[in-house]
Amino acid sequence: MQERVYNKGKIANVEELRQRIVDEWERLDQRIIDGAVKEWRKRLRACAAAEGGQFEREQCCCNCAL
């Protein structure tokens, strides 16, 4: 998403940046958003179980290190 927002040329002002972000958000497949929310919930639970401390690093759906 970041690449699509910034690769369209120079951004003139904050409003144009906001509009580009909104446009790209609307183009996202709902399954991608659902998957991100699901992974976020897993991370939140792991953090809570660790009482805010470090928790085991795993791979999420987008291959980032948790």
Protein backbone atom coordinates (compact mmCIF):
# COMPACT_ATOMS: atom_id res chain seq x y z
CA MET A 1 0.00 0.00 0.00
CA GLN A 2 2.82 2.37 0.88
CA GLU A 3 4.44 1.86 -2.51
CA ARG A 4 1.18 2.54 -4.33
CA VAL A 5 0.61 5.75 -2.36
CA TYR A 6 4.09 7.17 -2.89
CA ASN A 7 4.88 5.86 -6.39
CA LYS A 8 2.27 8.09 -8.05
CA GLY A 9 4.57 11.10 -8.05
CA LYS A 10 5.16 14.00 -5.71
CA ILE A 11 2.51 14.70 -3.08
CA ALA A 12 1.53 18.37 -3.03
CA ASN A 13 -0.01 18.57 0.44
CA VAL A 14 -1.49 16.66 3.37
CA GLU A 15 -4.93 16.52 1.77
CA GLU A 16 -3.54 14.83 -1.33
CA LEU A 17 -1.67 12.32 0.86
CA ARG A 18 -4.85 11.63 2.83
CA GLN A 19 -6.82 11.09 -0.36
CA ARG A 20 -4.23 8.72 -1.81
CA ILE A 21 -4.29 6.66 1.40
CA VAL A 22 -8.09 6.53 1.40
CA ASP A 23 -8.14 5.52 -2.28
CA GLU A 24 -5.67 2.68 -1.71
CA TRP A 25 -7.48 1.52 1.44
CA GLU A 26 -10.70 1.25 -0.56
CA ARG A 27 -8.90 -0.91 -3.15
CA LEU A 28 -7.76 -3.46 -0.55
CA ASP A 29 -9.42 -6.86 -0.71
CA GLN A 30 -11.49 -7.44 2.43
CA ARG A 31 -9.75 -10.80 2.93
CA ILE A 32 -6.43 -9.00 3.38
CA ILE A 33 -7.94 -6.73 6.02
CA ASP A 34 -9.60 -9.68 7.79
CA GLY A 35 -6.31 -11.59 7.82
CA ALA A 36 -4.43 -8.62 9.26
CA VAL A 37 -7.02 -8.21 12.03
CA LYS A 38 -6.84 -11.93 12.83
CA GLU A 39 -3.04 -11.78 13.10
CA TRP A 40 -3.22 -8.62 15.22
CA ARG A 41 -5.54 -10.40 17.64
CA LYS A 42 -3.06 -13.29 17.94
CA ARG A 43 -0.28 -10.84 18.75
CA LEU A 44 -2.42 -9.02 21.28
CA ARG A 45 -3.25 -12.30 23.05
CA ALA A 46 0.41 -13.34 23.07
CA CYS A 47 1.42 -9.96 24.50
CA ALA A 48 -1.26 -10.18 27.20
CA ALA A 49 -0.19 -13.75 28.07
CA ALA A 50 3.39 -12.48 28.43
CA GLU A 51 2.04 -9.66 30.64
CA GLY A 52 3.43 -7.09 28.23
CA GLY A 53 6.87 -8.66 28.10
CA GLN A 54 8.65 -10.37 25.23
CA PHE A 55 6.76 -13.20 23.56
CA GLU A 56 7.80 -15.88 21.12
CA ARG A 57 8.59 -14.67 17.60
CA GLU A 58 6.48 -16.31 14.93
CA GLN A 59 5.66 -15.68 11.30
CA CYS A 60 2.32 -14.14 10.44
CA CYS A 61 0.36 -14.25 7.18
CA CYS A 62 2.46 -11.49 5.61
CA ASN A 63 5.78 -13.18 6.61
CA CYS A 64 6.79 -10.45 9.03
CA ALA A 65 8.40 -11.50 12.30
CA LEU A 66 6.01 -11.20 15.22
